[in-house]
Amino acid sequence: MQILLSLPSNLAPHFAELENKPPPEWIAGCDPPGLPLGSGGGMANLLVQAWQQTGAGLAFGTWLRASQKLLLNSGGESRRLPAYAATGKTLLPIPVFRWAQGQRLDQTLLDLQLPQSRSLLEQSPPRIVALVTCGDVLIRSMGPLPPLPDVDVLCVGLWVAPEAASQHGVFFCSPGSPDHLEFVLQKPSPEQIRALANEHLFLIDTGA
C-alpha cells in the first residue's frame, strides 16, 4: 500500500526527512504554483506526481493497479486552524485519548487516521484501488463494517441528525435502494433535509 499526501508546498519537499517516511511507501506532493486545484484536482495531481516518482516506466493504469493507494488531502489554507496551515491538517498534534491504548504523546492526526483508513481499504473489493480521504477528518468505527459492495465508486456516509448534516455534504438515497446514491447536496438547511427525508434516507459525507 502506498500512502500519498497532498501537503502545503513549503512542507512537501521536506516531509520524508522530517517525518522519517520515505518513498516509495510514502509520497508527499502539493498543488502546482498558481490557482488552487480544489480537492478533486489536487488528488488527481497527487496521483500523477506519485506515478512519475515511483512508476518505473509503467503505464499509469498498470501502476495504479499494482498496489492499493491511500490518498489524504491535507493541503489547503486551513482557515479554521491557521496555526497549523504550514504543516497541513493531517500533521495536527492530537492529545492522547483517555483510557486509550497504543497512543503516543507526540502523536498526530495522521497517526490516528491511518489504522482505520488502512482497514477500510483492505476490506474493499479487489478492484477498489484507491481510497481518497480528507486530512482533517478522523473516522472511528465502533464496530465491524458491513461487507462493502463491488462498485466503481464507493462513498462512506454517516447517520446524523438534520442539524448536524446541514454543516456537511449530504448523501441522499432511496429507501428501496439504500446502497445506491441518488444525489448530493452541499450544506442543505435542516428544513430542506427534513422535507427530503420524507422520501429519502440521508447520510453525511465523511470525506472517504
Protein backbone atom coordinates (compact mmCIF):
# COMPACT_ATOMS: atom_id res chain seq x y z
CA MET A 1 0.00 0.00 0.00
CA GLN A 2 1.29 3.44 -0.94
CA ILE A 3 0.31 6.44 1.19
CA LEU A 4 0.03 9.68 -0.78
CA LEU A 5 -0.33 13.03 0.98
CA SER A 6 -1.21 16.39 -0.54
CA LEU A 7 0.60 18.92 1.67
CA PRO A 8 1.39 22.65 1.71
CA SER A 9 4.04 23.46 -0.90
CA ASN A 10 6.68 24.51 1.66
CA LEU A 11 6.41 21.21 3.54
CA ALA A 12 6.03 18.63 0.79
CA PRO A 13 9.73 18.54 -0.30
CA HIS A 14 10.86 18.02 3.32
CA PHE A 15 8.17 15.64 4.57
CA ALA A 16 10.16 12.40 4.09
CA GLU A 17 13.13 13.73 6.08
CA LEU A 18 11.16 15.48 8.83
CA GLU A 19 8.76 12.58 9.47
CA ASN A 20 11.09 9.71 8.51
CA LYS A 21 8.57 8.47 5.95
CA PRO A 22 10.48 7.92 2.68
CA PRO A 23 9.29 6.84 -0.77
CA PRO A 24 8.10 4.62 -2.32
CA GLU A 25 5.68 3.76 0.52
CA TRP A 26 5.16 7.46 1.32
CA ILE A 27 4.71 10.15 -1.33
CA ALA A 28 4.27 13.81 -0.41
CA GLY A 29 3.07 16.16 -3.13
CA CYS A 30 1.45 19.55 -3.49
CA ASP A 31 -0.56 21.62 -5.93
CA PRO A 32 1.47 23.40 -8.63
CA PRO A 33 2.00 27.16 -8.27
CA GLY A 34 -0.95 29.30 -9.22
CA LEU A 35 -4.65 28.87 -8.57
CA PRO A 36 -5.60 26.02 -6.18
CA LEU A 37 -6.81 22.89 -7.96
CA GLY A 38 -9.54 22.06 -5.46
CA SER A 39 -9.93 18.69 -3.74
CA GLY A 40 -10.59 16.62 -6.86
CA GLY A 41 -7.94 18.28 -8.98
CA GLY A 42 -5.43 18.12 -6.14
CA MET A 43 -5.92 14.37 -5.73
CA ALA A 44 -5.58 13.78 -9.49
CA ASN A 45 -2.38 15.84 -9.48
CA LEU A 46 -1.07 13.88 -6.48
CA LEU A 47 -1.65 10.58 -8.27
CA VAL A 48 0.28 11.83 -11.30
CA GLN A 49 3.16 13.02 -9.09
CA ALA A 50 3.33 9.63 -7.35
CA TRP A 51 3.21 7.79 -10.67
CA GLN A 52 6.04 9.92 -12.06
CA GLN A 53 8.17 9.25 -8.95
CA THR A 54 7.51 5.54 -8.47
CA GLY A 55 6.00 4.26 -11.73
CA ALA A 56 9.33 2.94 -13.10
CA GLY A 57 8.14 3.31 -16.68
CA LEU A 58 4.79 1.58 -16.13
CA ALA A 59 1.66 2.84 -17.84
CA PHE A 60 -0.48 4.85 -15.41
CA GLY A 61 -3.26 2.24 -15.23
CA THR A 62 -0.78 -0.59 -14.64
CA TRP A 63 0.92 1.37 -11.86
CA LEU A 64 -2.42 2.26 -10.28
CA ARG A 65 -3.45 -1.40 -10.06
CA ALA A 66 -0.04 -2.61 -8.87
CA SER A 67 -0.79 -1.71 -5.23
CA GLN A 68 -3.53 -0.03 -3.25
CA LYS A 69 -3.21 3.73 -2.81
CA LEU A 70 -4.32 5.74 0.22
CA LEU A 71 -4.64 9.45 -0.59
CA LEU A 72 -5.01 12.09 2.11
CA ASN A 73 -5.92 15.64 1.14
CA SER A 74 -4.06 17.75 3.68
CA GLY A 75 -3.27 20.94 1.78
CA GLY A 76 -5.49 23.98 1.63
CA GLU A 77 -5.40 27.18 3.63
CA SER A 78 -6.52 25.68 6.97
CA ARG A 79 -8.66 28.71 7.75
CA ARG A 80 -10.23 27.10 10.84
CA LEU A 81 -6.81 26.16 12.27
CA PRO A 82 -4.39 28.74 10.84
CA ALA A 83 -1.63 27.86 13.32
CA TYR A 84 -1.23 24.52 11.54
CA ALA A 85 -1.53 25.77 7.96
CA ALA A 86 2.22 25.36 7.43
CA THR A 87 2.27 21.67 8.38
CA GLY A 88 -1.00 20.59 6.82
CA LYS A 89 -4.10 19.43 8.65
CA THR A 90 -3.10 15.79 8.95
CA LEU A 91 0.03 16.64 10.98
CA LEU A 92 -2.05 18.41 13.62
CA PRO A 93 -0.91 17.29 17.13
CA ILE A 94 -3.59 15.28 18.92
CA PRO A 95 -3.69 14.67 22.72
CA VAL A 96 -3.77 11.08 23.92
CA PHE A 97 -7.35 9.86 24.35
CA ARG A 98 -8.26 8.96 27.92
CA TRP A 99 -8.01 5.20 28.58
CA ALA A 100 -6.75 4.62 25.03
CA GLN A 101 -4.03 2.11 24.21
CA GLY A 102 -1.28 2.33 21.61
CA GLN A 103 -1.07 6.11 21.50
CA ARG A 104 1.90 8.46 21.95
CA LEU A 105 2.39 11.88 23.48
CA ASP A 106 3.78 13.19 20.18
CA GLN A 107 1.05 11.68 18.00
CA THR A 108 -0.54 13.50 15.09
CA LEU A 109 -3.90 13.23 13.40
CA LEU A 110 -2.19 11.16 10.70
CA ASP A 111 -1.18 8.52 13.29
CA LEU A 112 -4.83 8.11 14.28
CA GLN A 113 -6.20 8.25 10.73
CA LEU A 114 -4.02 5.51 9.28
CA PRO A 115 -5.31 2.37 11.09
CA GLN A 116 -8.97 2.97 10.17
CA SER A 117 -8.14 4.10 6.62
CA ARG A 118 -5.91 1.07 6.04
CA SER A 119 -8.62 -1.22 7.38
CA LEU A 120 -11.26 0.34 5.14
CA LEU A 121 -9.09 -0.05 2.06
CA GLU A 122 -8.08 -3.62 2.94
CA GLN A 123 -11.76 -4.60 3.37
CA SER A 124 -12.69 -3.17 0.00
CA PRO A 125 -13.34 -5.38 -3.05
CA PRO A 126 -10.21 -6.15 -5.14
CA ARG A 127 -10.93 -3.62 -7.88
CA ILE A 128 -11.08 -0.71 -5.41
CA VAL A 129 -7.54 0.54 -5.98
CA ALA A 130 -7.55 3.83 -4.08
CA LEU A 131 -9.10 5.46 -1.02
CA VAL A 132 -9.34 9.25 -1.06
CA THR A 133 -9.97 10.86 2.32
CA CYS A 134 -9.80 14.27 3.98
CA GLY A 135 -6.73 15.12 6.00
CA ASP A 136 -8.79 16.91 8.67
CA VAL A 137 -11.31 14.13 9.42
CA LEU A 138 -10.91 11.31 11.94
CA ILE A 139 -13.26 8.39 11.26
CA ARG A 140 -13.54 5.99 14.17
CA SER A 141 -15.55 2.82 13.67
CA MET A 142 -17.16 1.47 16.85
CA GLY A 143 -17.60 -1.99 15.34
CA PRO A 144 -17.00 -4.07 12.22
CA LEU A 145 -18.22 -2.61 8.96
CA PRO A 146 -20.72 -4.49 6.80
CA PRO A 147 -19.43 -6.13 3.60
CA LEU A 148 -18.51 -3.41 1.11
CA PRO A 149 -20.11 -3.62 -2.34
CA ASP A 150 -18.11 -4.20 -5.52
CA VAL A 151 -18.72 -0.87 -7.28
CA ASP A 152 -16.80 1.68 -9.34
CA VAL A 153 -17.02 4.43 -6.69
CA LEU A 154 -17.77 3.74 -3.03
CA CYS A 155 -18.70 6.62 -0.68
CA VAL A 156 -18.65 6.28 3.09
CA GLY A 157 -21.52 8.05 4.87
CA LEU A 158 -22.55 8.55 8.47
CA TRP A 159 -26.03 8.73 10.01
CA VAL A 160 -26.60 12.03 11.84
CA ALA A 161 -29.44 14.40 12.74
CA PRO A 162 -30.51 17.08 10.21
CA GLU A 163 -28.93 19.88 12.27
CA ALA A 164 -25.51 18.19 12.14
CA ALA A 165 -25.91 17.20 8.49
CA SER A 166 -26.56 20.82 7.48
CA GLN A 167 -22.87 21.60 8.07
CA HIS A 168 -21.63 18.99 5.58
CA GLY A 169 -22.15 17.46 2.19
CA VAL A 170 -25.20 15.17 2.41
CA PHE A 171 -25.85 11.92 0.50
CA PHE A 172 -29.47 11.12 -0.34
CA CYS A 173 -30.57 7.56 -1.16
CA SER A 174 -33.84 5.85 -1.95
CA PRO A 175 -35.25 3.73 0.93
CA GLY A 176 -35.75 0.94 -1.60
CA SER A 177 -32.07 1.05 -2.68
CA PRO A 178 -30.15 2.42 0.30
CA ASP A 179 -26.80 1.36 -1.16
CA HIS A 180 -27.24 3.49 -4.31
CA LEU A 181 -26.56 7.23 -4.24
CA GLU A 182 -29.29 9.35 -5.85
CA PHE A 183 -27.89 12.86 -5.34
CA VAL A 184 -25.72 15.02 -3.09
CA LEU A 185 -26.41 18.46 -1.62
CA GLN A 186 -23.77 20.70 -0.08
CA LYS A 187 -24.78 22.07 3.34
CA PRO A 188 -28.56 22.00 2.85
CA SER A 189 -30.65 23.57 5.60
CA PRO A 190 -32.18 21.33 8.31
CA GLU A 191 -35.63 22.19 6.94
CA GLN A 192 -34.64 21.08 3.43
CA ILE A 193 -33.19 17.84 4.78
CA ARG A 194 -36.36 17.08 6.76
CA ALA A 195 -38.51 17.70 3.68
CA LEU A 196 -36.37 15.38 1.56
CA ALA A 197 -36.29 12.78 4.37
CA ASN A 198 -39.96 12.05 3.68
CA GLU A 199 -38.85 10.09 0.62
CA HIS A 200 -35.10 9.65 1.08
CA LEU A 201 -32.51 8.34 3.51
CA PHE A 202 -29.67 10.77 4.22
CA LEU A 203 -26.10 10.49 5.46
CA ILE A 204 -23.26 12.98 5.71
CA ASP A 205 -20.22 12.70 3.51
CA THR A 206 -17.29 11.59 5.71
CA GLY A 207 -14.80 12.58 3.04
CA ALA A 208 -13.84 8.94 2.32
